[in-house]
């Protein structure tokens, strides 16, 4: 199976505090892969390093054949078009309508006509389960679940190969959260996406993830499927996954 992302001996240090001390993982094409671990272990930090929003201080991260620690500006700009990111709070621009939020990357980074952009935005809005009429609404006018879906539509605007999700179900009621899980599975099937997800939501983890990497004590303490994970003797794993079977 082809690895889309490889991390080798990744080290991260904040103000002399070591966050990661030798992270190693492989994320394969077509899978939904979870970054899990206790609060403060550096899950979101690692995701931000993968999408080049934050520097790491040692080791290497290779995404789609590109070494991030040695990448040039132009190469980095091209690589960023290969992924979409859904931030935890959605990070929609409050002054823009949902239509304009979703269209932003298409306007900035392509030479497509306005008509074509409008058609793509319409398609993406419907793809994530929003109505066409929602496009004219502003973030302040919609629910938390709709914000997540609109932000997901924006992340998909450029037809990425990779999708990064940071706590996608946080702040959602249980019904909306399970609806979002179903949407993620459907999109993976429809679009052939490879998905990397940070999550604390046990139901979401069990329903959507093919494999996980669990970060604890600055390292990966487990990488693999959830099958028999409760037999692992790591304290966090024992507490978090208690009663999963």
Foldseek 3Di string as FASTA:
>chain_A
DAFQKWWFQWWAADPNRTLAGTATDTFHFLFEEEEAEDPSSCSVVVVCCQLVVDPIDDTWMAGNRDTVVPDDDVRSVVVNLQFFEQEQQLPFDQVAFLLCSLLVCVVVPHPDDPVVSSVLSCVLCVLLPHHSVSRRHGPVVDDSLSSLSSSVSSRCSSLHQEYEYEASCPPHDPVSSVVNLVSVVVCCVVSSHRYYYYHLDPVSCVSGGQWYFYGDPNYGPDIGGPVVQCVDPDPRSVVSCPPVD
